């Protein structure tokens, strides 16, 4: 019986001012999915110890359903999902599952989908977790590296340069919030002052140039967001304190990773930020929150690993 296996890496979305636009693939975690034809069924059967088994509530299952509907294919599919990306931590867990599923399904059916089409299907799958489609995690999970969305209807994107002298640490607080992504999106303001829009536009432009040049001080300057990230400090009381700690270190730039609670810290690869990380761990400990700190490299795009 035909089987296809594919993986997709974790990702960090927004990166400060790039809400629903910017995303970075992270090599440290990955999800793997396996597809197998089910000759005794015409439905999608999901096998996972951690995720919803109903297709409409599972990002990988929903993405596959959207592909089958568009292609007008009726076939039974066994979908096995092995989670490696921590769930509910703002690291693109639901997006990784959707991206890996689309990659596997594209190979399974021999569709030769364009990358834009693959992002679109994975984005539709994200609605199962977030309530509405967004592509700032699935795009880097599929494409790899640093990605900016330039259009969502139709989907289009740009690959951006990421300087190899920049290293990353992920701070993973042990915080669990039910329906976290939906809550985090609910605090996003529906209207904003023109001056905030202008500031964020300037910050995004400066941010992209800083990722390319590897200038951490400039990255720190532009990795600020008065529109979305600042509002999410209501959900994560430790966020402002950690941002304040980072201000003492000119060679460390930090941002909330996606909808949180994880925080991504960028630094020069030749200058480990041990003192900063110790201060952050102590701050979280004072609030009764444990944490894990891991290093990550820039992740690859989703790949088929077995046929």
C-alpha atoms as a PDB file:
ATOM      1  CA  UNK A   1       0.000   0.000   0.000  1.00  0.00           C
ATOM      2  CA  UNK A   2       1.337   3.442  -0.948  1.00  0.00           C
ATOM      3  CA  UNK A   3       2.741   5.523   1.927  1.00  0.00           C
ATOM      4  CA  UNK A   4       4.231   9.018   1.991  1.00  0.00           C
ATOM      5  CA  UNK A   5       5.977  10.651   4.922  1.00  0.00           C
ATOM      6  CA  UNK A   6       6.873  14.361   5.200  1.00  0.00           C
ATOM      7  CA  UNK A   7       8.124  16.771   7.848  1.00  0.00           C
ATOM      8  CA  UNK A   8       7.820  20.496   8.515  1.00  0.00           C
ATOM      9  CA  UNK A   9       9.749  22.617  10.982  1.00  0.00           C
ATOM     10  CA  UNK A  10       8.502  24.896  13.721  1.00  0.00           C
ATOM     11  CA  UNK A  11       8.287  28.619  13.032  1.00  0.00           C
ATOM     12  CA  UNK A  12       8.205  31.980  14.769  1.00  0.00           C
ATOM     13  CA  UNK A  13       5.693  34.453  13.352  1.00  0.00           C
ATOM     14  CA  UNK A  14       5.373  38.252  13.575  1.00  0.00           C
ATOM     15  CA  UNK A  15       8.945  38.921  14.855  1.00  0.00           C
ATOM     16  CA  UNK A  16       7.839  42.218  16.358  1.00  0.00           C
ATOM     17  CA  UNK A  17       6.051  44.471  13.860  1.00  0.00           C
ATOM     18  CA  UNK A  18       5.272  41.817  11.205  1.00  0.00           C
ATOM     19  CA  UNK A  19       1.849  40.624  12.427  1.00  0.00           C
ATOM     20  CA  UNK A  20       0.429  38.083   9.941  1.00  0.00           C
ATOM     21  CA  UNK A  21       3.226  38.999   7.502  1.00  0.00           C
ATOM     22  CA  UNK A  22       6.615  37.709   8.701  1.00  0.00           C
ATOM     23  CA  UNK A  23       7.665  34.215   9.717  1.00  0.00           C
ATOM     24  CA  UNK A  24      10.915  32.361  10.331  1.00  0.00           C
ATOM     25  CA  UNK A  25      11.368  28.577  10.128  1.00  0.00           C
ATOM     26  CA  UNK A  26      13.082  27.046  13.198  1.00  0.00           C
ATOM     27  CA  UNK A  27      15.105  23.845  12.916  1.00  0.00           C
ATOM     28  CA  UNK A  28      14.908  22.820  16.566  1.00  0.00           C
ATOM     29  CA  UNK A  29      11.451  21.192  16.360  1.00  0.00           C
ATOM     30  CA  UNK A  30       9.527  19.447  13.591  1.00  0.00           C
ATOM     31  CA  UNK A  31       6.280  17.568  12.959  1.00  0.00           C
ATOM     32  CA  UNK A  32       6.105  14.463  10.798  1.00  0.00           C
ATOM     33  CA  UNK A  33       3.018  13.149   9.020  1.00  0.00           C
ATOM     34  CA  UNK A  34       2.470   9.866   7.240  1.00  0.00           C
ATOM     35  CA  UNK A  35      -0.231   9.303   4.629  1.00  0.00           C
ATOM     36  CA  UNK A  36      -1.510   5.920   3.573  1.00  0.00           C
ATOM     37  CA  UNK A  37      -4.385   5.065   1.263  1.00  0.00           C
ATOM     38  CA  UNK A  38      -7.284   3.344   3.011  1.00  0.00           C
ATOM     39  CA  UNK A  39      -8.959   1.041   0.470  1.00  0.00           C
ATOM     40  CA  UNK A  40     -11.804   0.267   2.877  1.00  0.00           C
ATOM     41  CA  UNK A  41     -12.950   3.837   3.414  1.00  0.00           C
ATOM     42  CA  UNK A  42     -13.613   7.124   1.623  1.00  0.00           C
ATOM     43  CA  UNK A  43     -12.846   9.412   4.548  1.00  0.00           C
ATOM     44  CA  UNK A  44      -9.826  10.900   6.308  1.00  0.00           C
ATOM     45  CA  UNK A  45      -8.939   8.934   9.440  1.00  0.00           C
ATOM     46  CA  UNK A  46      -6.579  10.746  11.805  1.00  0.00           C
ATOM     47  CA  UNK A  47      -4.211   8.982  14.213  1.00  0.00           C
ATOM     48  CA  UNK A  48      -2.574  11.155  16.885  1.00  0.00           C
ATOM     49  CA  UNK A  49      -2.064  10.998  20.639  1.00  0.00           C
ATOM     50  CA  UNK A  50      -2.092  14.778  21.111  1.00  0.00           C
ATOM     51  CA  UNK A  51      -4.368  16.346  18.495  1.00  0.00           C
ATOM     52  CA  UNK A  52      -8.101  16.417  17.707  1.00  0.00           C
ATOM     53  CA  UNK A  53      -9.158  13.457  15.596  1.00  0.00           C
ATOM     54  CA  UNK A  54     -12.088  15.229  13.919  1.00  0.00           C
ATOM     55  CA  UNK A  55     -11.036  16.494  10.485  1.00  0.00           C
ATOM     56  CA  UNK A  56     -12.628  19.944  10.914  1.00  0.00           C
ATOM     57  CA  UNK A  57     -10.704  20.470  14.162  1.00  0.00           C
ATOM     58  CA  UNK A  58      -7.331  19.246  12.928  1.00  0.00           C
ATOM     59  CA  UNK A  59      -5.169  21.541  10.787  1.00  0.00           C
ATOM     60  CA  UNK A  60      -3.533  18.690   8.876  1.00  0.00           C
ATOM     61  CA  UNK A  61      -6.821  16.902   8.299  1.00  0.00           C
ATOM     62  CA  UNK A  62      -8.619  20.056   7.201  1.00  0.00           C
ATOM     63  CA  UNK A  63      -5.820  20.995   4.782  1.00  0.00           C
ATOM     64  CA  UNK A  64      -6.019  17.542   3.183  1.00  0.00           C
ATOM     65  CA  UNK A  65      -9.804  17.803   2.976  1.00  0.00           C
ATOM     66  CA  UNK A  66      -9.499  21.131   1.114  1.00  0.00           C
ATOM     67  CA  UNK A  67      -7.097  19.559  -1.393  1.00  0.00           C
ATOM     68  CA  UNK A  68      -9.398  16.606  -2.042  1.00  0.00           C
ATOM     69  CA  UNK A  69     -12.413  18.901  -2.446  1.00  0.00           C
ATOM     70  CA  UNK A  70     -10.690  21.116  -4.995  1.00  0.00           C
ATOM     71  CA  UNK A  71      -9.322  18.189  -6.946  1.00  0.00           C
ATOM     72  CA  UNK A  72     -12.706  16.403  -6.748  1.00  0.00           C
ATOM     73  CA  UNK A  73     -11.005  13.234  -5.510  1.00  0.00           C
ATOM     74  CA  UNK A  74     -12.828  10.777  -3.291  1.00  0.00           C
ATOM     75  CA  UNK A  75     -10.359   8.525  -1.513  1.00  0.00           C
ATOM     76  CA  UNK A  76      -9.777   7.052   1.934  1.00  0.00           C
ATOM     77  CA  UNK A  77      -6.717   8.429   3.743  1.00  0.00           C
ATOM     78  CA  UNK A  78      -5.030   7.308   6.944  1.00  0.00           C
ATOM     79  CA  UNK A  79      -3.254  10.340   8.404  1.00  0.00           C
ATOM     80  CA  UNK A  80      -0.713   9.734  11.170  1.00  0.00           C
ATOM     81  CA  UNK A  81       0.732  12.804  12.913  1.00  0.00           C
ATOM     82  CA  UNK A  82       3.867  12.631  15.073  1.00  0.00           C
ATOM     83  CA  UNK A  83       4.193  15.859  17.033  1.00  0.00           C
ATOM     84  CA  UNK A  84       7.652  17.266  17.604  1.00  0.00           C
ATOM     85  CA  UNK A  85       6.702  20.958  17.759  1.00  0.00           C
ATOM     86  CA  UNK A  86       5.454  21.846  21.266  1.00  0.00           C
ATOM     87  CA  UNK A  87       1.718  22.532  21.233  1.00  0.00           C
ATOM     88  CA  UNK A  88       0.397  25.910  22.373  1.00  0.00           C
ATOM     89  CA  UNK A  89       3.798  27.605  22.676  1.00  0.00           C
ATOM     90  CA  UNK A  90       3.680  30.078  19.784  1.00  0.00           C
ATOM     91  CA  UNK A  91       6.051  28.024  17.644  1.00  0.00           C
ATOM     92  CA  UNK A  92       3.754  27.248  14.733  1.00  0.00           C
ATOM     93  CA  UNK A  93       2.709  23.797  15.964  1.00  0.00           C
ATOM     94  CA  UNK A  94      -0.598  23.745  14.091  1.00  0.00           C
ATOM     95  CA  UNK A  95       1.070  25.245  11.024  1.00  0.00           C
ATOM     96  CA  UNK A  96       3.798  22.600  10.994  1.00  0.00           C
ATOM     97  CA  UNK A  97       1.205  19.823  10.929  1.00  0.00           C
ATOM     98  CA  UNK A  98      -0.717  21.511   8.121  1.00  0.00           C
ATOM     99  CA  UNK A  99       2.439  22.208   6.105  1.00  0.00           C
ATOM    100  CA  UNK A 100       3.727  18.641   6.410  1.00  0.00           C
ATOM    101  CA  UNK A 101       0.302  17.281   5.446  1.00  0.00           C
ATOM    102  CA  UNK A 102       0.104  19.437   2.314  1.00  0.00           C
ATOM    103  CA  UNK A 103       3.642  18.462   1.306  1.00  0.00           C
ATOM    104  CA  UNK A 104       2.833  14.780   1.748  1.00  0.00           C
ATOM    105  CA  UNK A 105      -0.513  15.045  -0.067  1.00  0.00           C
ATOM    106  CA  UNK A 106       1.025  16.887  -2.992  1.00  0.00           C
ATOM    107  CA  UNK A 107       3.479  13.998  -3.428  1.00  0.00           C
ATOM    108  CA  UNK A 108       0.886  11.331  -2.668  1.00  0.00           C
ATOM    109  CA  UNK A 109      -1.443  12.491  -5.466  1.00  0.00           C
ATOM    110  CA  UNK A 110       1.281  13.750  -7.822  1.00  0.00           C
ATOM    111  CA  UNK A 111      -0.376  17.172  -8.025  1.00  0.00           C
ATOM    112  CA  UNK A 112       2.702  19.343  -8.702  1.00  0.00           C
ATOM    113  CA  UNK A 113       1.150  22.181  -6.721  1.00  0.00           C
ATOM    114  CA  UNK A 114       2.892  25.539  -6.812  1.00  0.00           C
ATOM    115  CA  UNK A 115       4.293  26.822  -3.523  1.00  0.00           C
ATOM    116  CA  UNK A 116       1.569  29.479  -3.515  1.00  0.00           C
ATOM    117  CA  UNK A 117      -1.087  26.771  -3.785  1.00  0.00           C
ATOM    118  CA  UNK A 118       0.525  24.741  -1.026  1.00  0.00           C
ATOM    119  CA  UNK A 119       0.601  27.765   1.281  1.00  0.00           C
ATOM    120  CA  UNK A 120      -3.047  28.452   0.478  1.00  0.00           C
ATOM    121  CA  UNK A 121      -4.157  24.912   1.386  1.00  0.00           C
ATOM    122  CA  UNK A 122      -2.087  24.876   4.588  1.00  0.00           C
ATOM    123  CA  UNK A 123      -3.456  28.306   5.487  1.00  0.00           C
ATOM    124  CA  UNK A 124      -7.001  26.991   5.107  1.00  0.00           C
ATOM    125  CA  UNK A 125      -6.062  24.163   7.431  1.00  0.00           C
ATOM    126  CA  UNK A 126      -4.940  26.694  10.054  1.00  0.00           C
ATOM    127  CA  UNK A 127      -8.574  27.762  10.447  1.00  0.00           C
ATOM    128  CA  UNK A 128      -9.097  24.575  12.472  1.00  0.00           C
ATOM    129  CA  UNK A 129      -6.845  25.959  15.219  1.00  0.00           C
ATOM    130  CA  UNK A 130      -7.042  29.737  14.921  1.00  0.00           C
ATOM    131  CA  UNK A 131     -10.647  30.229  13.812  1.00  0.00           C
ATOM    132  CA  UNK A 132      -9.629  32.027  10.631  1.00  0.00           C
ATOM    133  CA  UNK A 133      -6.912  31.331   8.056  1.00  0.00           C
ATOM    134  CA  UNK A 134      -3.484  32.919   8.428  1.00  0.00           C
ATOM    135  CA  UNK A 135      -0.265  32.016   6.661  1.00  0.00           C
ATOM    136  CA  UNK A 136       2.596  33.529   8.661  1.00  0.00           C
ATOM    137  CA  UNK A 137       3.502  30.114  10.135  1.00  0.00           C
ATOM    138  CA  UNK A 138       2.678  27.789   7.251  1.00  0.00           C
ATOM    139  CA  UNK A 139       4.621  29.915   4.745  1.00  0.00           C
ATOM    140  CA  UNK A 140       8.027  29.578   6.478  1.00  0.00           C
ATOM    141  CA  UNK A 141       7.223  25.954   7.396  1.00  0.00           C
ATOM    142  CA  UNK A 142       6.709  25.168   3.698  1.00  0.00           C
ATOM    143  CA  UNK A 143       9.282  27.478   2.121  1.00  0.00           C
ATOM    144  CA  UNK A 144      11.960  27.532   4.821  1.00  0.00           C
ATOM    145  CA  UNK A 145      14.006  30.447   6.105  1.00  0.00           C
ATOM    146  CA  UNK A 146      12.679  33.966   6.594  1.00  0.00           C
ATOM    147  CA  UNK A 147       9.500  34.634   4.628  1.00  0.00           C
ATOM    148  CA  UNK A 148       7.304  37.696   4.110  1.00  0.00           C
ATOM    149  CA  UNK A 149       3.771  37.412   2.800  1.00  0.00           C
ATOM    150  CA  UNK A 150       3.063  40.021   0.153  1.00  0.00           C
ATOM    151  CA  UNK A 151      -0.502  38.947  -0.649  1.00  0.00           C
ATOM    152  CA  UNK A 152      -3.062  36.516   0.753  1.00  0.00           C
ATOM    153  CA  UNK A 153      -5.610  36.693  -2.078  1.00  0.00           C
ATOM    154  CA  UNK A 154      -3.999  35.350  -4.146  1.00  0.00           C
ATOM    155  CA  UNK A 155      -1.128  34.045  -2.030  1.00  0.00           C
ATOM    156  CA  UNK A 156       2.297  35.469  -2.772  1.00  0.00           C
ATOM    157  CA  UNK A 157       5.476  35.741  -0.738  1.00  0.00           C
ATOM    158  CA  UNK A 158       9.143  36.720  -0.721  1.00  0.00           C
ATOM    159  CA  UNK A 159      12.165  34.795   0.538  1.00  0.00           C
ATOM    160  CA  UNK A 160      14.288  37.167   2.598  1.00  0.00           C
ATOM    161  CA  UNK A 161      17.971  37.138   3.493  1.00  0.00           C
ATOM    162  CA  UNK A 162      18.921  36.066   7.011  1.00  0.00           C
ATOM    163  CA  UNK A 163      22.509  36.819   8.010  1.00  0.00           C
ATOM    164  CA  UNK A 164      24.425  33.713   9.105  1.00  0.00           C
ATOM    165  CA  UNK A 165      26.067  35.639  11.957  1.00  0.00           C
ATOM    166  CA  UNK A 166      22.704  35.848  13.760  1.00  0.00           C
ATOM    167  CA  UNK A 167      21.958  33.122  16.275  1.00  0.00           C
ATOM    168  CA  UNK A 168      18.692  32.403  18.083  1.00  0.00           C
ATOM    169  CA  UNK A 169      17.565  31.259  21.503  1.00  0.00           C
ATOM    170  CA  UNK A 170      13.989  30.253  22.290  1.00  0.00           C
ATOM    171  CA  UNK A 171      12.662  30.906  25.772  1.00  0.00           C
ATOM    172  CA  UNK A 172       9.778  28.514  26.455  1.00  0.00           C
ATOM    173  CA  UNK A 173       7.849  29.461  29.623  1.00  0.00           C
ATOM    174  CA  UNK A 174       5.803  26.664  31.153  1.00  0.00           C
ATOM    175  CA  UNK A 175       2.486  28.419  30.588  1.00  0.00           C
ATOM    176  CA  UNK A 176      -0.616  26.766  29.158  1.00  0.00           C
ATOM    177  CA  UNK A 177      -3.684  28.739  28.089  1.00  0.00           C
ATOM    178  CA  UNK A 178      -6.746  27.077  26.572  1.00  0.00           C
ATOM    179  CA  UNK A 179      -7.668  28.462  23.125  1.00  0.00           C
ATOM    180  CA  UNK A 180      -4.571  30.627  23.348  1.00  0.00           C
ATOM    181  CA  UNK A 181      -4.317  31.537  19.658  1.00  0.00           C
ATOM    182  CA  UNK A 182      -7.943  32.653  19.475  1.00  0.00           C
ATOM    183  CA  UNK A 183      -7.534  34.696  22.671  1.00  0.00           C
ATOM    184  CA  UNK A 184      -4.294  36.250  21.422  1.00  0.00           C
ATOM    185  CA  UNK A 185      -5.961  37.236  18.145  1.00  0.00           C
ATOM    186  CA  UNK A 186      -9.002  38.619  19.971  1.00  0.00           C
ATOM    187  CA  UNK A 187      -6.925  41.386  21.622  1.00  0.00           C
ATOM    188  CA  UNK A 188      -5.655  42.656  18.264  1.00  0.00           C
ATOM    189  CA  UNK A 189      -7.199  46.113  17.737  1.00  0.00           C
ATOM    190  CA  UNK A 190      -9.625  46.498  14.843  1.00  0.00           C
ATOM    191  CA  UNK A 191      -8.586  50.124  14.263  1.00  0.00           C
ATOM    192  CA  UNK A 192      -5.230  51.817  14.867  1.00  0.00           C
ATOM    193  CA  UNK A 193      -3.921  55.389  14.848  1.00  0.00           C
ATOM    194  CA  UNK A 194      -2.230  56.431  11.621  1.00  0.00           C
ATOM    195  CA  UNK A 195       0.992  57.196  13.519  1.00  0.00           C
ATOM    196  CA  UNK A 196       1.181  53.583  14.749  1.00  0.00           C
ATOM    197  CA  UNK A 197       0.685  52.278  11.215  1.00  0.00           C
ATOM    198  CA  UNK A 198       3.464  54.549   9.980  1.00  0.00           C
ATOM    199  CA  UNK A 199       5.806  53.499  12.796  1.00  0.00           C
ATOM    200  CA  UNK A 200       5.190  49.804  12.199  1.00  0.00           C
ATOM    201  CA  UNK A 201       5.805  50.186   8.468  1.00  0.00           C
ATOM    202  CA  UNK A 202       9.145  51.847   9.173  1.00  0.00           C
ATOM    203  CA  UNK A 203       9.989  49.156  11.732  1.00  0.00           C
ATOM    204  CA  UNK A 204       9.297  46.340   9.263  1.00  0.00           C
ATOM    205  CA  UNK A 205      11.540  47.918   6.640  1.00  0.00           C
ATOM    206  CA  UNK A 206      14.321  48.420   9.184  1.00  0.00           C
ATOM    207  CA  UNK A 207      13.833  44.913  10.554  1.00  0.00           C
ATOM    208  CA  UNK A 208      14.264  43.245   7.162  1.00  0.00           C
ATOM    209  CA  UNK A 209      17.412  45.232   6.435  1.00  0.00           C
ATOM    210  CA  UNK A 210      18.794  44.310   9.865  1.00  0.00           C
ATOM    211  CA  UNK A 211      18.149  40.591   9.353  1.00  0.00           C
ATOM    212  CA  UNK A 212      20.089  40.887   6.107  1.00  0.00           C
ATOM    213  CA  UNK A 213      23.006  42.880   7.537  1.00  0.00           C
ATOM    214  CA  UNK A 214      23.249  41.038  10.847  1.00  0.00           C
ATOM    215  CA  UNK A 215      23.249  44.282  12.827  1.00  0.00           C
ATOM    216  CA  UNK A 216      21.760  43.213  16.181  1.00  0.00           C
ATOM    217  CA  UNK A 217      21.573  46.762  17.544  1.00  0.00           C
ATOM    218  CA  UNK A 218      19.460  47.837  14.578  1.00  0.00           C
ATOM    219  CA  UNK A 219      17.431  44.625  14.824  1.00  0.00           C
ATOM    220  CA  UNK A 220      16.691  45.505  18.443  1.00  0.00           C
ATOM    221  CA  UNK A 221      15.636  49.020  17.457  1.00  0.00           C
ATOM    222  CA  UNK A 222      13.152  47.871  14.857  1.00  0.00           C
ATOM    223  CA  UNK A 223      11.833  44.761  16.636  1.00  0.00           C
ATOM    224  CA  UNK A 224       9.112  46.772  18.368  1.00  0.00           C
ATOM    225  CA  UNK A 225       5.377  46.741  17.823  1.00  0.00           C
ATOM    226  CA  UNK A 226       2.940  49.229  19.369  1.00  0.00           C
ATOM    227  CA  UNK A 227      -0.060  47.594  17.678  1.00  0.00           C
ATOM    228  CA  UNK A 228      -0.246  43.860  18.461  1.00  0.00           C
ATOM    229  CA  UNK A 229       2.590  42.638  20.675  1.00  0.00           C
ATOM    230  CA  UNK A 230       2.036  45.392  23.219  1.00  0.00           C
ATOM    231  CA  UNK A 231      -1.621  44.354  23.592  1.00  0.00           C
ATOM    232  CA  UNK A 232      -0.658  40.737  24.249  1.00  0.00           C
ATOM    233  CA  UNK A 233       1.158  41.714  27.450  1.00  0.00           C
ATOM    234  CA  UNK A 234      -2.310  41.472  29.020  1.00  0.00           C
ATOM    235  CA  UNK A 235      -2.154  37.717  28.403  1.00  0.00           C
ATOM    236  CA  UNK A 236       1.503  37.372  29.415  1.00  0.00           C
ATOM    237  CA  UNK A 237       2.354  39.626  32.398  1.00  0.00           C
ATOM    238  CA  UNK A 238       6.030  38.613  32.166  1.00  0.00           C
ATOM    239  CA  UNK A 239       6.433  39.940  28.611  1.00  0.00           C
ATOM    240  CA  UNK A 240       7.069  43.595  29.458  1.00  0.00           C
ATOM    241  CA  UNK A 241       9.556  42.663  32.188  1.00  0.00           C
ATOM    242  CA  UNK A 242      11.542  40.502  29.779  1.00  0.00           C
ATOM    243  CA  UNK A 243      11.472  43.251  27.157  1.00  0.00           C
ATOM    244  CA  UNK A 244      12.765  45.665  29.811  1.00  0.00           C
ATOM    245  CA  UNK A 245      15.567  43.273  30.763  1.00  0.00           C
ATOM    246  CA  UNK A 246      16.586  43.057  27.102  1.00  0.00           C
ATOM    247  CA  UNK A 247      16.959  46.844  26.943  1.00  0.00           C
ATOM    248  CA  UNK A 248      20.072  46.530  29.129  1.00  0.00           C
ATOM    249  CA  UNK A 249      21.753  44.431  26.458  1.00  0.00           C
ATOM    250  CA  UNK A 250      22.380  46.208  23.186  1.00  0.00           C
ATOM    251  CA  UNK A 251      23.389  42.954  21.470  1.00  0.00           C
ATOM    252  CA  UNK A 252      20.120  41.081  22.193  1.00  0.00           C
ATOM    253  CA  UNK A 253      16.827  41.598  20.321  1.00  0.00           C
ATOM    254  CA  UNK A 254      13.674  39.861  21.551  1.00  0.00           C
ATOM    255  CA  UNK A 255      10.098  39.374  20.394  1.00  0.00           C
ATOM    256  CA  UNK A 256       7.073  37.361  21.396  1.00  0.00           C
ATOM    257  CA  UNK A 257       7.015  34.296  19.161  1.00  0.00           C
ATOM    258  CA  UNK A 258       3.693  34.208  17.346  1.00  0.00           C
ATOM    259  CA  UNK A 259       0.814  34.245  19.816  1.00  0.00           C
ATOM    260  CA  UNK A 260       3.185  33.293  22.650  1.00  0.00           C
ATOM    261  CA  UNK A 261       4.082  32.447  25.305  1.00  0.00           C
ATOM    262  CA  UNK A 262       7.512  31.618  23.842  1.00  0.00           C
ATOM    263  CA  UNK A 263       9.969  34.429  23.281  1.00  0.00           C
ATOM    264  CA  UNK A 264      12.615  34.430  20.571  1.00  0.00           C
ATOM    265  CA  UNK A 265      15.953  36.142  21.243  1.00  0.00           C
ATOM    266  CA  UNK A 266      18.407  37.056  18.483  1.00  0.00           C
ATOM    267  CA  UNK A 267      22.104  37.621  19.141  1.00  0.00           C
ATOM    268  CA  UNK A 268      25.495  37.572  17.434  1.00  0.00           C
ATOM    269  CA  UNK A 269      26.689  33.991  17.049  1.00  0.00           C
ATOM    270  CA  UNK A 270      30.042  34.943  18.597  1.00  0.00           C
ATOM    271  CA  UNK A 271      28.491  36.500  21.702  1.00  0.00           C
ATOM    272  CA  UNK A 272      26.414  34.130  23.830  1.00  0.00           C
ATOM    273  CA  UNK A 273      23.831  36.057  25.935  1.00  0.00           C
ATOM    274  CA  UNK A 274      24.240  33.949  29.087  1.00  0.00           C
ATOM    275  CA  UNK A 275      23.731  36.827  31.537  1.00  0.00           C
ATOM    276  CA  UNK A 276      20.573  37.959  29.763  1.00  0.00           C
ATOM    277  CA  UNK A 277      19.142  34.441  29.682  1.00  0.00           C
ATOM    278  CA  UNK A 278      19.898  33.957  33.381  1.00  0.00           C
ATOM    279  CA  UNK A 279      18.091  37.187  34.195  1.00  0.00           C
ATOM    280  CA  UNK A 280      15.088  36.088  32.160  1.00  0.00           C
ATOM    281  CA  UNK A 281      14.971  32.696  33.893  1.00  0.00           C
ATOM    282  CA  UNK A 282      15.168  34.416  37.285  1.00  0.00           C
ATOM    283  CA  UNK A 283      12.390  36.835  36.344  1.00  0.00           C
ATOM    284  CA  UNK A 284      10.106  33.999  35.296  1.00  0.00           C
ATOM    285  CA  UNK A 285      11.009  32.049  38.436  1.00  0.00           C
ATOM    286  CA  UNK A 286      10.022  35.045  40.570  1.00  0.00           C
ATOM    287  CA  UNK A 287       6.594  34.887  38.906  1.00  0.00           C
ATOM    288  CA  UNK A 288       6.356  31.182  39.684  1.00  0.00           C
ATOM    289  CA  UNK A 289       6.969  30.171  36.074  1.00  0.00           C
ATOM    290  CA  UNK A 290       9.552  27.634  34.991  1.00  0.00           C
ATOM    291  CA  UNK A 291      11.087  27.719  31.530  1.00  0.00           C
ATOM    292  CA  UNK A 292      13.224  25.871  29.046  1.00  0.00           C
ATOM    293  CA  UNK A 293      15.787  27.619  26.845  1.00  0.00           C
ATOM    294  CA  UNK A 294      16.864  26.032  23.568  1.00  0.00           C
ATOM    295  CA  UNK A 295      18.992  27.086  20.618  1.00  0.00           C
ATOM    296  CA  UNK A 296      17.691  26.946  17.071  1.00  0.00           C
ATOM    297  CA  UNK A 297      19.045  27.420  13.593  1.00  0.00           C
ATOM    298  CA  UNK A 298      17.049  28.593  10.594  1.00  0.00           C
ATOM    299  CA  UNK A 299      14.782  25.776   9.448  1.00  0.00           C
ATOM    300  CA  UNK A 300      14.379  24.206   6.040  1.00  0.00           C
ATOM    301  CA  UNK A 301      11.194  24.070   4.066  1.00  0.00           C
ATOM    302  CA  UNK A 302       8.889  21.052   4.343  1.00  0.00           C
ATOM    303  CA  UNK A 303      10.216  17.895   2.675  1.00  0.00           C
ATOM    304  CA  UNK A 304       9.082  14.406   1.754  1.00  0.00           C
ATOM    305  CA  UNK A 305      11.224  11.943   3.676  1.00  0.00           C
ATOM    306  CA  UNK A 306       9.825   8.570   2.620  1.00  0.00           C
ATOM    307  CA  UNK A 307       7.746   7.141  -0.212  1.00  0.00           C
END
